[in-house]
PDB file of N, CA and C in Angstrom:
ATOM      1  N   MET A   1      -2.243 131.988  17.959  1.00  0.00           N
ATOM      2  CA  MET A   1      -3.654 132.043  18.148  1.00  0.00           C
ATOM      3  C   MET A   1      -4.057 130.953  19.283  1.00  0.00           C
ATOM      4  N   ALA A   2      -4.895 131.514  20.099  1.00  0.00           N
ATOM      5  CA  ALA A   2      -5.194 130.643  21.074  1.00  0.00           C
ATOM      6  C   ALA A   2      -6.256 129.674  20.547  1.00  0.00           C
ATOM      7  N   VAL A   3      -6.070 128.487  21.014  1.00  0.00           N
ATOM      8  CA  VAL A   3      -7.074 127.368  20.599  1.00  0.00           C
ATOM      9  C   VAL A   3      -7.741 126.823  21.856  1.00  0.00           C
ATOM     10  N   MET A   4      -9.159 126.916  21.794  1.00  0.00           N
ATOM     11  CA  MET A   4      -9.801 126.388  22.679  1.00  0.00           C
ATOM     12  C   MET A   4      -9.602 124.869  23.147  1.00  0.00           C
ATOM     13  N   PRO A   5      -9.584 124.435  24.426  1.00  0.00           N
ATOM     14  CA  PRO A   5      -9.134 123.238  24.798  1.00  0.00           C
ATOM     15  C   PRO A   5     -10.136 122.237  24.581  1.00  0.00           C
ATOM     16  N   THR A   6      -9.915 121.160  23.882  1.00  0.00           N
ATOM     17  CA  THR A   6     -10.922 120.166  23.686  1.00  0.00           C
ATOM     18  C   THR A   6     -10.830 118.818  24.387  1.00  0.00           C
ATOM     19  N   LYS A   7      -9.856 118.627  25.416  1.00  0.00           N
ATOM     20  CA  LYS A   7      -9.637 117.850  26.396  1.00  0.00           C
ATOM     21  C   LYS A   7      -9.575 118.325  27.734  1.00  0.00           C
ATOM     22  N   CYS A   8     -10.357 117.838  28.720  1.00  0.00           N
ATOM     23  CA  CYS A   8     -10.242 118.210  30.016  1.00  0.00           C
ATOM     24  C   CYS A   8      -8.669 117.990  30.608  1.00  0.00           C
ATOM     25  N   PRO A   9      -8.125 118.954  31.236  1.00  0.00           N
ATOM     26  CA  PRO A   9      -6.708 118.910  31.617  1.00  0.00           C
ATOM     27  C   PRO A   9      -6.576 118.143  32.892  1.00  0.00           C
ATOM     28  N   ALA A  10      -7.935 117.854  33.580  1.00  0.00           N
ATOM     29  CA  ALA A  10      -7.595 116.899  34.683  1.00  0.00           C
ATOM     30  C   ALA A  10      -7.839 115.232  34.204  1.00  0.00           C
ATOM     31  N   CYS A  11      -8.870 115.074  33.692  1.00  0.00           N
ATOM     32  CA  CYS A  11      -9.107 113.622  33.422  1.00  0.00           C
ATOM     33  C   CYS A  11      -8.990 113.437  31.742  1.00  0.00           C
ATOM     34  N   GLY A  12      -8.828 114.031  30.911  1.00  0.00           N
ATOM     35  CA  GLY A  12      -8.388 113.875  29.491  1.00  0.00           C
ATOM     36  C   GLY A  12      -9.912 113.757  28.744  1.00  0.00           C
ATOM     37  N   GLY A  13     -10.878 113.783  29.336  1.00  0.00           N
ATOM     38  CA  GLY A  13     -12.182 113.699  28.659  1.00  0.00           C
ATOM     39  C   GLY A  13     -12.486 114.968  27.547  1.00  0.00           C
ATOM     40  N   GLU A  14     -13.409 114.715  26.875  1.00  0.00           N
ATOM     41  CA  GLU A  14     -13.965 115.568  25.716  1.00  0.00           C
ATOM     42  C   GLU A  14     -14.393 116.850  26.394  1.00  0.00           C
ATOM     43  N   THR A  15     -14.387 117.993  26.054  1.00  0.00           N
ATOM     44  CA  THR A  15     -14.931 119.343  26.694  1.00  0.00           C
ATOM     45  C   THR A  15     -16.114 119.543  25.704  1.00  0.00           C
ATOM     46  N   ARG A  16     -16.871 120.211  26.432  1.00  0.00           N
ATOM     47  CA  ARG A  16     -18.046 120.675  25.771  1.00  0.00           C
ATOM     48  C   ARG A  16     -18.302 122.177  26.110  1.00  0.00           C
ATOM     49  N   VAL A  17     -18.928 122.790  25.250  1.00  0.00           N
ATOM     50  CA  VAL A  17     -19.381 124.339  25.606  1.00  0.00           C
ATOM     51  C   VAL A  17     -20.505 124.153  26.256  1.00  0.00           C
ATOM     52  N   ARG A  18     -20.646 124.989  27.331  1.00  0.00           N
ATOM     53  CA  ARG A  18     -21.880 124.866  28.271  1.00  0.00           C
ATOM     54  C   ARG A  18     -22.596 125.953  28.111  1.00  0.00           C
ATOM     55  N   SER A  19     -22.106 127.292  27.751  1.00  0.00           N
ATOM     56  CA  SER A  19     -22.943 128.687  27.688  1.00  0.00           C
ATOM     57  C   SER A  19     -22.315 129.371  26.572  1.00  0.00           C
ATOM     58  N   LEU A  20     -22.953 130.253  25.797  1.00  0.00           N
ATOM     59  CA  LEU A  20     -22.769 131.206  24.928  1.00  0.00           C
ATOM     60  C   LEU A  20     -23.302 132.412  25.406  1.00  0.00           C
ATOM     61  N   GLN A  21     -22.564 133.576  25.170  1.00  0.00           N
ATOM     62  CA  GLN A  21     -22.834 135.063  25.490  1.00  0.00           C
ATOM     63  C   GLN A  21     -22.577 135.734  24.575  1.00  0.00           C
ATOM     64  N   CYS A  22     -23.645 136.700  24.387  1.00  0.00           N
ATOM     65  CA  CYS A  22     -23.579 138.113  23.630  1.00  0.00           C
ATOM     66  C   CYS A  22     -22.841 138.964  24.389  1.00  0.00           C
ATOM     67  N   PRO A  23     -21.656 139.579  23.718  1.00  0.00           N
ATOM     68  CA  PRO A  23     -20.963 140.598  24.418  1.00  0.00           C
ATOM     69  C   PRO A  23     -21.634 141.984  24.206  1.00  0.00           C
ATOM     70  N   GLU A  24     -22.506 142.039  23.359  1.00  0.00           N
ATOM     71  CA  GLU A  24     -23.109 143.328  23.120  1.00  0.00           C
ATOM     72  C   GLU A  24     -24.273 143.589  24.100  1.00  0.00           C
ATOM     73  N   CYS A  25     -25.098 142.699  24.258  1.00  0.00           N
ATOM     74  CA  CYS A  25     -26.124 142.905  24.863  1.00  0.00           C
ATOM     75  C   CYS A  25     -26.257 141.950  26.465  1.00  0.00           C
ATOM     76  N   GLY A  26     -25.441 140.878  26.431  1.00  0.00           N
ATOM     77  CA  GLY A  26     -25.477 140.199  27.687  1.00  0.00           C
ATOM     78  C   GLY A  26     -26.392 139.050  27.595  1.00  0.00           C
ATOM     79  N   THR A  27     -26.897 138.663  26.504  1.00  0.00           N
ATOM     80  CA  THR A  27     -27.827 137.593  26.512  1.00  0.00           C
ATOM     81  C   THR A  27     -27.127 136.437  26.416  1.00  0.00           C
ATOM     82  N   GLU A  28     -27.589 135.164  27.449  1.00  0.00           N
ATOM     83  CA  GLU A  28     -26.791 134.076  27.642  1.00  0.00           C
ATOM     84  C   GLU A  28     -27.549 133.122  27.266  1.00  0.00           C
ATOM     85  N   VAL A  29     -27.036 131.916  26.407  1.00  0.00           N
ATOM     86  CA  VAL A  29     -27.671 130.742  26.175  1.00  0.00           C
ATOM     87  C   VAL A  29     -27.014 129.505  26.824  1.00  0.00           C
ATOM     88  N   GLN A  30     -27.711 128.842  27.639  1.00  0.00           N
ATOM     89  CA  GLN A  30     -26.963 127.790  28.244  1.00  0.00           C
ATOM     90  C   GLN A  30     -27.551 126.396  27.991  1.00  0.00           C
ATOM     91  N   GLY A  31     -26.811 125.454  27.872  1.00  0.00           N
ATOM     92  CA  GLY A  31     -27.061 124.152  27.438  1.00  0.00           C
ATOM     93  C   GLY A  31     -25.401 123.491  27.151  1.00  0.00           C
ATOM     94  N   TYR A  32     -25.790 122.182  26.669  1.00  0.00           N
ATOM     95  CA  TYR A  32     -24.466 121.341  26.470  1.00  0.00           C
ATOM     96  C   TYR A  32     -24.168 121.089  24.844  1.00  0.00           C
ATOM     97  N   PHE A  33     -23.323 122.187  24.361  1.00  0.00           N
ATOM     98  CA  PHE A  33     -23.205 122.111  22.680  1.00  0.00           C
ATOM     99  C   PHE A  33     -21.906 121.432  22.265  1.00  0.00           C
ATOM    100  N   PRO A  34     -21.802 120.353  21.495  1.00  0.00           N
ATOM    101  CA  PRO A  34     -20.714 119.652  20.945  1.00  0.00           C
ATOM    102  C   PRO A  34     -19.696 120.753  20.160  1.00  0.00           C
ATOM    103  N   LEU A  35     -18.191 120.555  20.300  1.00  0.00           N
ATOM    104  CA  LEU A  35     -17.550 121.221  19.488  1.00  0.00           C
ATOM    105  C   LEU A  35     -17.480 121.109  18.029  1.00  0.00           C
ATOM    106  N   SER A  36     -17.374 121.575  17.305  1.00  0.00           N
ATOM    107  CA  SER A  36     -17.278 121.309  15.836  1.00  0.00           C
ATOM    108  C   SER A  36     -16.059 120.636  15.529  1.00  0.00           C
ATOM    109  N   ARG A  37     -15.944 119.986  14.473  1.00  0.00           N
ATOM    110  CA  ARG A  37     -14.894 119.206  13.996  1.00  0.00           C
ATOM    111  C   ARG A  37     -13.722 120.019  13.748  1.00  0.00           C
ATOM    112  N   PHE A  38     -13.905 121.313  13.320  1.00  0.00           N
ATOM    113  CA  PHE A  38     -12.699 122.100  13.290  1.00  0.00           C
ATOM    114  C   PHE A  38     -12.017 122.591  14.743  1.00  0.00           C
ATOM    115  N   ALA A  39     -12.979 122.492  15.708  1.00  0.00           N
ATOM    116  CA  ALA A  39     -12.314 122.781  17.066  1.00  0.00           C
ATOM    117  C   ALA A  39     -11.360 121.750  17.560  1.00  0.00           C
ATOM    118  N   GLN A  40     -11.440 120.740  16.882  1.00  0.00           N
ATOM    119  CA  GLN A  40     -10.553 119.462  17.178  1.00  0.00           C
ATOM    120  C   GLN A  40      -9.213 119.597  16.694  1.00  0.00           C
ATOM    121  N   LEU A  41      -8.944 120.390  15.600  1.00  0.00           N
ATOM    122  CA  LEU A  41      -7.502 120.626  15.049  1.00  0.00           C
ATOM    123  C   LEU A  41      -6.744 121.498  16.019  1.00  0.00           C
ATOM    124  N   GLY A  42      -5.521 121.013  16.099  1.00  0.00           N
ATOM    125  CA  GLY A  42      -4.476 121.847  16.885  1.00  0.00           C
ATOM    126  C   GLY A  42      -4.067 122.956  16.082  1.00  0.00           C
ATOM    127  N   GLY A  43      -3.145 123.955  16.779  1.00  0.00           N
ATOM    128  CA  GLY A  43      -2.979 125.184  16.230  1.00  0.00           C
ATOM    129  C   GLY A  43      -2.295 125.136  14.848  1.00  0.00           C
ATOM    130  N   GLU A  44      -1.328 124.156  14.664  1.00  0.00           N
ATOM    131  CA  GLU A  44      -0.525 123.949  13.585  1.00  0.00           C
ATOM    132  C   GLU A  44      -1.518 123.651  12.545  1.00  0.00           C
ATOM    133  N   GLN A  45      -2.303 122.691  12.651  1.00  0.00           N
ATOM    134  CA  GLN A  45      -3.350 122.198  11.518  1.00  0.00           C
ATOM    135  C   GLN A  45      -4.413 123.326  11.091  1.00  0.00           C
ATOM    136  N   LEU A  46      -4.695 123.998  12.131  1.00  0.00           N
ATOM    137  CA  LEU A  46      -5.690 125.299  11.817  1.00  0.00           C
ATOM    138  C   LEU A  46      -4.888 126.369  10.957  1.00  0.00           C
ATOM    139  N   ASN A  47      -3.567 126.589  11.188  1.00  0.00           N
ATOM    140  CA  ASN A  47      -2.647 127.235  10.369  1.00  0.00           C
ATOM    141  C   ASN A  47      -2.631 126.935   9.125  1.00  0.00           C
ATOM    142  N   PHE A  48      -2.499 125.627   8.877  1.00  0.00           N
ATOM    143  CA  PHE A  48      -2.420 125.005   7.556  1.00  0.00           C
ATOM    144  C   PHE A  48      -3.665 124.900   6.782  1.00  0.00           C
ATOM    145  N   LEU A  49      -4.756 124.762   7.533  1.00  0.00           N
ATOM    146  CA  LEU A  49      -5.922 124.905   6.865  1.00  0.00           C
ATOM    147  C   LEU A  49      -6.301 126.279   6.498  1.00  0.00           C
ATOM    148  N   GLU A  50      -5.969 127.317   7.106  1.00  0.00           N
ATOM    149  CA  GLU A  50      -6.177 128.619   6.683  1.00  0.00           C
ATOM    150  C   GLU A  50      -5.462 129.030   5.611  1.00  0.00           C
ATOM    151  N   THR A  51      -4.180 128.437   5.639  1.00  0.00           N
ATOM    152  CA  THR A  51      -3.150 128.887   4.531  1.00  0.00           C
ATOM    153  C   THR A  51      -3.700 128.116   3.069  1.00  0.00           C
ATOM    154  N   PHE A  52      -4.267 126.959   3.261  1.00  0.00           N
ATOM    155  CA  PHE A  52      -4.813 126.176   2.188  1.00  0.00           C
ATOM    156  C   PHE A  52      -6.017 126.955   1.596  1.00  0.00           C
ATOM    157  N   LEU A  53      -6.772 127.312   2.578  1.00  0.00           N
ATOM    158  CA  LEU A  53      -7.936 127.911   2.003  1.00  0.00           C
ATOM    159  C   LEU A  53      -7.553 129.584   0.995  1.00  0.00           C
ATOM    160  N   ARG A  54      -6.652 130.005   1.765  1.00  0.00           N
ATOM    161  CA  ARG A  54      -6.064 131.366   1.176  1.00  0.00           C
ATOM    162  C   ARG A  54      -5.563 130.952  -0.181  1.00  0.00           C
ATOM    163  N   CYS A  55      -4.853 129.904  -0.299  1.00  0.00           N
ATOM    164  CA  CYS A  55      -4.210 129.431  -1.557  1.00  0.00           C
ATOM    165  C   CYS A  55      -5.300 128.766  -2.439  1.00  0.00           C
ATOM    166  N   ARG A  56      -6.362 128.766  -2.246  1.00  0.00           N
ATOM    167  CA  ARG A  56      -7.568 128.040  -2.971  1.00  0.00           C
ATOM    168  C   ARG A  56      -7.138 126.674  -3.301  1.00  0.00           C
ATOM    169  N   GLY A  57      -6.747 126.028  -2.330  1.00  0.00           N
ATOM    170  CA  GLY A  57      -6.524 124.531  -2.545  1.00  0.00           C
ATOM    171  C   GLY A  57      -5.328 124.130  -3.234  1.00  0.00           C
ATOM    172  N   SER A  58      -4.352 124.935  -3.615  1.00  0.00           N
ATOM    173  CA  SER A  58      -3.350 124.703  -4.283  1.00  0.00           C
ATOM    174  C   SER A  58      -2.061 124.269  -3.323  1.00  0.00           C
ATOM    175  N   LEU A  59      -1.720 123.101  -3.150  1.00  0.00           N
ATOM    176  CA  LEU A  59      -0.835 122.356  -2.443  1.00  0.00           C
ATOM    177  C   LEU A  59       0.556 123.167  -2.758  1.00  0.00           C
ATOM    178  N   LYS A  60       0.972 123.277  -3.909  1.00  0.00           N
ATOM    179  CA  LYS A  60       2.147 123.882  -4.531  1.00  0.00           C
ATOM    180  C   LYS A  60       2.146 125.251  -3.791  1.00  0.00           C
ATOM    181  N   GLU A  61       1.267 126.128  -3.894  1.00  0.00           N
ATOM    182  CA  GLU A  61       1.266 127.359  -3.060  1.00  0.00           C
ATOM    183  C   GLU A  61       1.214 127.355  -1.552  1.00  0.00           C
ATOM    184  N   VAL A  62       0.661 126.289  -1.123  1.00  0.00           N
ATOM    185  CA  VAL A  62       0.656 126.068   0.411  1.00  0.00           C
ATOM    186  C   VAL A  62       2.202 125.552   0.707  1.00  0.00           C
ATOM    187  N   GLY A  63       2.798 125.009  -0.077  1.00  0.00           N
ATOM    188  CA  GLY A  63       4.155 124.695   0.235  1.00  0.00           C
ATOM    189  C   GLY A  63       5.070 125.860   0.147  1.00  0.00           C
ATOM    190  N   ALA A  64       4.936 126.614  -0.731  1.00  0.00           N
ATOM    191  CA  ALA A  64       5.623 127.884  -0.757  1.00  0.00           C
ATOM    192  C   ALA A  64       5.383 128.968   0.343  1.00  0.00           C
ATOM    193  N   GLN A  65       4.036 128.947   0.693  1.00  0.00           N
ATOM    194  CA  GLN A  65       3.688 129.892   1.659  1.00  0.00           C
ATOM    195  C   GLN A  65       4.462 129.313   2.900  1.00  0.00           C
ATOM    196  N   LEU A  66       4.514 128.071   3.329  1.00  0.00           N
ATOM    197  CA  LEU A  66       4.737 127.353   4.672  1.00  0.00           C
ATOM    198  C   LEU A  66       6.027 127.135   4.686  1.00  0.00           C
ATOM    199  N   GLY A  67       6.870 127.210   3.462  1.00  0.00           N
ATOM    200  CA  GLY A  67       8.425 126.600   3.169  1.00  0.00           C
ATOM    201  C   GLY A  67       8.633 125.317   3.394  1.00  0.00           C
ATOM    202  N   ILE A  68       7.560 124.528   2.866  1.00  0.00           N
ATOM    203  CA  ILE A  68       7.698 123.042   2.924  1.00  0.00           C
ATOM    204  C   ILE A  68       7.496 122.662   1.485  1.00  0.00           C
ATOM    205  N   SER A  69       8.027 121.314   1.495  1.00  0.00           N
ATOM    206  CA  SER A  69       7.931 120.668   0.099  1.00  0.00           C
ATOM    207  C   SER A  69       6.535 120.194  -0.362  1.00  0.00           C
ATOM    208  N   TYR A  70       6.136 120.029  -1.434  1.00  0.00           N
ATOM    209  CA  TYR A  70       4.587 119.591  -1.981  1.00  0.00           C
ATOM    210  C   TYR A  70       4.269 118.294  -1.046  1.00  0.00           C
ATOM    211  N   PRO A  71       5.190 117.300  -1.132  1.00  0.00           N
ATOM    212  CA  PRO A  71       4.942 116.157  -0.460  1.00  0.00           C
ATOM    213  C   PRO A  71       4.737 116.268   0.998  1.00  0.00           C
ATOM    214  N   THR A  72       5.414 117.229   1.456  1.00  0.00           N
ATOM    215  CA  THR A  72       5.077 117.481   2.997  1.00  0.00           C
ATOM    216  C   THR A  72       3.613 118.253   3.205  1.00  0.00           C
ATOM    217  N   ALA A  73       3.525 118.944   2.188  1.00  0.00           N
ATOM    218  CA  ALA A  73       2.000 119.786   2.339  1.00  0.00           C
ATOM    219  C   ALA A  73       1.050 118.550   2.175  1.00  0.00           C
ATOM    220  N   ARG A  74       1.219 117.857   1.343  1.00  0.00           N
ATOM    221  CA  ARG A  74       0.395 116.802   0.876  1.00  0.00           C
ATOM    222  C   ARG A  74       0.088 115.810   2.042  1.00  0.00           C
ATOM    223  N   ASN A  75       1.014 115.504   2.954  1.00  0.00           N
ATOM    224  CA  ASN A  75       1.092 114.561   4.091  1.00  0.00           C
ATOM    225  C   ASN A  75       0.337 115.424   5.208  1.00  0.00           C
ATOM    226  N   ARG A  76       0.542 116.748   5.379  1.00  0.00           N
ATOM    227  CA  ARG A  76      -0.078 117.496   6.286  1.00  0.00           C
ATOM    228  C   ARG A  76      -1.446 117.671   6.083  1.00  0.00           C
ATOM    229  N   LEU A  77      -2.029 117.712   4.785  1.00  0.00           N
ATOM    230  CA  LEU A  77      -3.248 117.676   4.349  1.00  0.00           C
ATOM    231  C   LEU A  77      -3.806 116.367   4.658  1.00  0.00           C
ATOM    232  N   ASP A  78      -3.471 115.223   4.389  1.00  0.00           N
ATOM    233  CA  ASP A  78      -3.827 113.918   4.775  1.00  0.00           C
ATOM    234  C   ASP A  78      -3.981 113.627   6.368  1.00  0.00           C
ATOM    235  N   ALA A  79      -3.055 114.345   7.102  1.00  0.00           N
ATOM    236  CA  ALA A  79      -3.211 114.147   8.500  1.00  0.00           C
ATOM    237  C   ALA A  79      -4.244 115.064   9.100  1.00  0.00           C
ATOM    238  N   MET A  80      -4.614 116.180   8.512  1.00  0.00           N
ATOM    239  CA  MET A  80      -5.634 117.188   8.925  1.00  0.00           C
ATOM    240  C   MET A  80      -6.874 116.486   8.483  1.00  0.00           C
ATOM    241  N   LEU A  81      -7.024 115.670   7.207  1.00  0.00           N
ATOM    242  CA  LEU A  81      -8.254 115.041   6.940  1.00  0.00           C
ATOM    243  C   LEU A  81      -8.547 114.080   7.918  1.00  0.00           C
ATOM    244  N   ALA A  82      -7.641 113.214   8.197  1.00  0.00           N
ATOM    245  CA  ALA A  82      -7.516 112.386   9.234  1.00  0.00           C
ATOM    246  C   ALA A  82      -8.187 112.718  10.602  1.00  0.00           C
ATOM    247  N   ALA A  83      -7.703 113.832  11.220  1.00  0.00           N
ATOM    248  CA  ALA A  83      -7.918 114.396  12.371  1.00  0.00           C
ATOM    249  C   ALA A  83      -9.357 114.693  12.330  1.00  0.00           C
ATOM    250  N   LEU A  84     -10.039 115.045  11.059  1.00  0.00           N
ATOM    251  CA  LEU A  84     -11.473 115.780  10.877  1.00  0.00           C
ATOM    252  C   LEU A  84     -12.423 114.443  10.789  1.00  0.00           C
ATOM    253  N   GLY A  85     -11.676 113.107  10.499  1.00  0.00           N
ATOM    254  CA  GLY A  85     -12.738 112.052  10.288  1.00  0.00           C
ATOM    255  C   GLY A  85     -12.834 111.549   8.815  1.00  0.00           C
ATOM    256  N   TYR A  86     -11.936 112.415   8.083  1.00  0.00           N
ATOM    257  CA  TYR A  86     -12.198 112.036   6.466  1.00  0.00           C
ATOM    258  C   TYR A  86     -11.143 111.200   5.998  1.00  0.00           C
ATOM    259  N   ALA A  87     -10.609 110.446   6.785  1.00  0.00           N
ATOM    260  CA  ALA A  87      -9.523 109.547   6.350  1.00  0.00           C
ATOM    261  C   ALA A  87      -9.956 108.533   5.292  1.00  0.00           C
ATOM    262  N   GLU A  88      -9.282 108.449   4.189  1.00  0.00           N
ATOM    263  CA  GLU A  88      -9.783 107.515   3.178  1.00  0.00           C
ATOM    264  C   GLU A  88      -8.312 106.771   2.731  1.00  0.00           C
ATOM    265  N   ALA A  89      -8.417 105.788   2.279  1.00  0.00           N
ATOM    266  CA  ALA A  89      -7.114 105.092   1.768  1.00  0.00           C
ATOM    267  C   ALA A  89      -6.700 105.817   0.583  1.00  0.00           C
ATOM    268  N   ARG A  90      -5.646 105.972   0.538  1.00  0.00           N
ATOM    269  CA  ARG A  90      -4.666 106.595  -0.708  1.00  0.00           C
ATOM    270  C   ARG A  90      -4.689 105.707  -1.657  1.00  0.00           C
ATOM    271  N   ASP A  91      -4.761 106.485  -2.936  1.00  0.00           N
ATOM    272  CA  ASP A  91      -4.762 105.695  -4.146  1.00  0.00           C
ATOM    273  C   ASP A  91      -3.255 105.359  -4.541  1.00  0.00           C
ATOM    274  N   ALA A  92      -2.999 104.057  -4.637  1.00  0.00           N
ATOM    275  CA  ALA A  92      -1.527 103.533  -4.957  1.00  0.00           C
ATOM    276  C   ALA A  92      -0.914 104.265  -6.158  1.00  0.00           C
ATOM    277  N   ARG A  93      -1.643 104.654  -7.075  1.00  0.00           N
ATOM    278  CA  ARG A  93      -1.180 105.282  -8.299  1.00  0.00           C
ATOM    279  C   ARG A  93      -0.768 106.735  -7.861  1.00  0.00           C
ATOM    280  N   ALA A  94      -1.553 107.390  -7.026  1.00  0.00           N
ATOM    281  CA  ALA A  94      -1.136 108.699  -6.521  1.00  0.00           C
ATOM    282  C   ALA A  94       0.069 108.608  -5.625  1.00  0.00           C
ATOM    283  N   ASP A  95       0.352 107.686  -4.739  1.00  0.00           N
ATOM    284  CA  ASP A  95       1.457 107.592  -4.066  1.00  0.00           C
ATOM    285  C   ASP A  95       2.791 107.217  -5.077  1.00  0.00           C
ATOM    286  N   ARG A  96       2.462 106.232  -5.937  1.00  0.00           N
ATOM    287  CA  ARG A  96       3.657 106.210  -6.850  1.00  0.00           C
ATOM    288  C   ARG A  96       3.992 107.534  -7.720  1.00  0.00           C
ATOM    289  N   LEU A  97       2.987 108.291  -7.919  1.00  0.00           N
ATOM    290  CA  LEU A  97       3.232 109.728  -8.754  1.00  0.00           C
ATOM    291  C   LEU A  97       3.940 110.505  -7.796  1.00  0.00           C
ATOM    292  N   GLU A  98       3.560 110.609  -6.566  1.00  0.00           N
ATOM    293  CA  GLU A  98       4.180 111.306  -5.518  1.00  0.00           C
ATOM    294  C   GLU A  98       5.854 110.918  -5.390  1.00  0.00           C
ATOM    295  N   ILE A  99       5.957 109.765  -5.394  1.00  0.00           N
ATOM    296  CA  ILE A  99       7.310 109.119  -4.972  1.00  0.00           C
ATOM    297  C   ILE A  99       8.279 109.688  -6.329  1.00  0.00           C
ATOM    298  N   LEU A 100       7.778 109.557  -7.506  1.00  0.00           N
ATOM    299  CA  LEU A 100       8.484 109.720  -8.599  1.00  0.00           C
ATOM    300  C   LEU A 100       8.655 111.329  -8.742  1.00  0.00           C
ATOM    301  N   THR A 101       7.590 112.246  -8.333  1.00  0.00           N
ATOM    302  CA  THR A 101       7.894 113.530  -8.177  1.00  0.00           C
ATOM    303  C   THR A 101       8.935 113.993  -7.275  1.00  0.00           C
ATOM    304  N   ARG A 102       8.948 113.461  -6.230  1.00  0.00           N
ATOM    305  CA  ARG A 102       9.994 113.520  -5.299  1.00  0.00           C
ATOM    306  C   ARG A 102      11.364 113.160  -5.632  1.00  0.00           C
ATOM    307  N   LEU A 103      11.332 112.231  -6.379  1.00  0.00           N
ATOM    308  CA  LEU A 103      12.819 111.768  -7.173  1.00  0.00           C
ATOM    309  C   LEU A 103      13.246 112.914  -8.204  1.00  0.00           C
ATOM    310  N   LYS A 104      12.246 113.238  -8.999  1.00  0.00           N
ATOM    311  CA  LYS A 104      12.720 114.336 -10.137  1.00  0.00           C
ATOM    312  C   LYS A 104      12.881 115.582  -9.574  1.00  0.00           C
ATOM    313  N   SER A 105      12.361 116.014  -8.205  1.00  0.00           N
ATOM    314  CA  SER A 105      12.741 117.212  -7.708  1.00  0.00           C
ATOM    315  C   SER A 105      14.095 117.347  -6.960  1.00  0.00           C
ATOM    316  N   GLY A 106      14.650 115.694  -6.806  1.00  0.00           N
ATOM    317  CA  GLY A 106      15.915 115.714  -5.953  1.00  0.00           C
ATOM    318  C   GLY A 106      15.836 115.644  -4.609  1.00  0.00           C
ATOM    319  N   GLU A 107      14.462 115.534  -4.104  1.00  0.00           N
ATOM    320  CA  GLU A 107      14.288 115.345  -2.810  1.00  0.00           C
ATOM    321  C   GLU A 107      14.532 113.957  -2.140  1.00  0.00           C
ATOM    322  N   ILE A 108      14.527 112.904  -3.034  1.00  0.00           N
ATOM    323  CA  ILE A 108      15.064 111.576  -2.523  1.00  0.00           C
ATOM    324  C   ILE A 108      15.796 111.158  -3.669  1.00  0.00           C
ATOM    325  N   THR A 109      16.761 110.039  -3.279  1.00  0.00           N
ATOM    326  CA  THR A 109      17.517 109.400  -4.211  1.00  0.00           C
ATOM    327  C   THR A 109      16.813 108.205  -4.914  1.00  0.00           C
ATOM    328  N   ALA A 110      17.406 107.704  -6.094  1.00  0.00           N
ATOM    329  CA  ALA A 110      16.789 106.734  -6.837  1.00  0.00           C
ATOM    330  C   ALA A 110      16.585 105.600  -6.042  1.00  0.00           C
ATOM    331  N   ASN A 111      17.719 105.212  -4.938  1.00  0.00           N
ATOM    332  CA  ASN A 111      17.411 104.117  -4.217  1.00  0.00           C
ATOM    333  C   ASN A 111      16.266 104.238  -3.129  1.00  0.00           C
ATOM    334  N   GLU A 112      16.251 105.611  -2.711  1.00  0.00           N
ATOM    335  CA  GLU A 112      15.087 105.708  -2.044  1.00  0.00           C
ATOM    336  C   GLU A 112      13.749 105.659  -2.697  1.00  0.00           C
ATOM    337  N   ALA A 113      13.514 106.050  -3.742  1.00  0.00           N
ATOM    338  CA  ALA A 113      12.372 106.058  -4.617  1.00  0.00           C
ATOM    339  C   ALA A 113      12.157 104.569  -4.848  1.00  0.00           C
ATOM    340  N   LEU A 114      13.188 103.738  -5.242  1.00  0.00           N
ATOM    341  CA  LEU A 114      12.846 102.343  -5.476  1.00  0.00           C
ATOM    342  C   LEU A 114      12.312 101.618  -4.222  1.00  0.00           C
ATOM    343  N   ASN A 115      13.125 101.899  -3.117  1.00  0.00           N
ATOM    344  CA  ASN A 115      12.714 101.443  -1.689  1.00  0.00           C
ATOM    345  C   ASN A 115      11.052 101.826  -1.445  1.00  0.00           C
ATOM    346  N   LEU A 116      10.764 102.851  -1.687  1.00  0.00           N
ATOM    347  CA  LEU A 116       9.298 103.290  -1.644  1.00  0.00           C
ATOM    348  C   LEU A 116       8.496 102.686  -2.367  1.00  0.00           C
ATOM    349  N   LEU A 117       8.881 102.604  -3.661  1.00  0.00           N
ATOM    350  CA  LEU A 117       7.971 101.967  -4.678  1.00  0.00           C
ATOM    351  C   LEU A 117       7.773 100.687  -4.382  1.00  0.00           C
ATOM    352  N   GLN A 118       8.717  99.835  -3.744  1.00  0.00           N
ATOM    353  CA  GLN A 118       8.620  98.518  -3.403  1.00  0.00           C
ATOM    354  C   GLN A 118       8.016  98.335  -2.058  1.00  0.00           C
ATOM    355  N   GLY A 119       7.560  99.438  -1.403  1.00  0.00           N
ATOM    356  CA  GLY A 119       6.743  99.243  -0.295  1.00  0.00           C
ATOM    357  C   GLY A 119       7.328  99.627   0.920  1.00  0.00           C
ATOM    358  N   GLY A 120       8.625 100.073   0.894  1.00  0.00           N
ATOM    359  CA  GLY A 120       9.157 100.702   2.028  1.00  0.00           C
ATOM    360  C   GLY A 120       8.453 101.849   2.668  1.00  0.00           C
ATOM    361  N   LEU A 121       8.922 101.986   3.947  1.00  0.00           N
ATOM    362  CA  LEU A 121       8.252 103.310   4.759  1.00  0.00           C
ATOM    363  C   LEU A 121       9.076 104.601   4.171  1.00  0.00           C
ATOM    364  N   ASP A 122       8.151 105.680   4.401  1.00  0.00           N
ATOM    365  CA  ASP A 122       8.558 106.846   4.141  1.00  0.00           C
ATOM    366  C   ASP A 122       8.789 107.612   5.390  1.00  0.00           C
ATOM    367  N   ASN A 123      10.017 108.148   5.961  1.00  0.00           N
ATOM    368  CA  ASN A 123      10.148 108.508   7.247  1.00  0.00           C
ATOM    369  C   ASN A 123      10.018 110.045   7.558  1.00  0.00           C
ATOM    370  N   GLU A 124       9.350 110.815   6.425  1.00  0.00           N
ATOM    371  CA  GLU A 124       8.766 112.085   6.528  1.00  0.00           C
ATOM    372  C   GLU A 124       7.957 112.297   7.616  1.00  0.00           C
TER     373      GLU A 124
END
């Protein structure tokens, strides 16, 4: 899927839409129109968003569709939300639950879980 460039290839500045044209009748509207937040997402993030919507928000199903673990799906959702400007501090209880879920599924060892619970960094 081709993604509209949101940064100028020459200077790195933010791009804007200058005109819109109807392919049926040729009517053209000119002006400077800001891009939507969704235009700021990269191709992989757009694919994740489309999959998330098709799966009706089930991260478990998103993981199955994309061949990734639930925690990886959740991390991608968090990254996408941050890219859209909706980043919020994650709930510490939710973080602990995620670590324990990863331990239960065998994705991480007990020592890795203990390190994460004690504030270590996850390298995923």
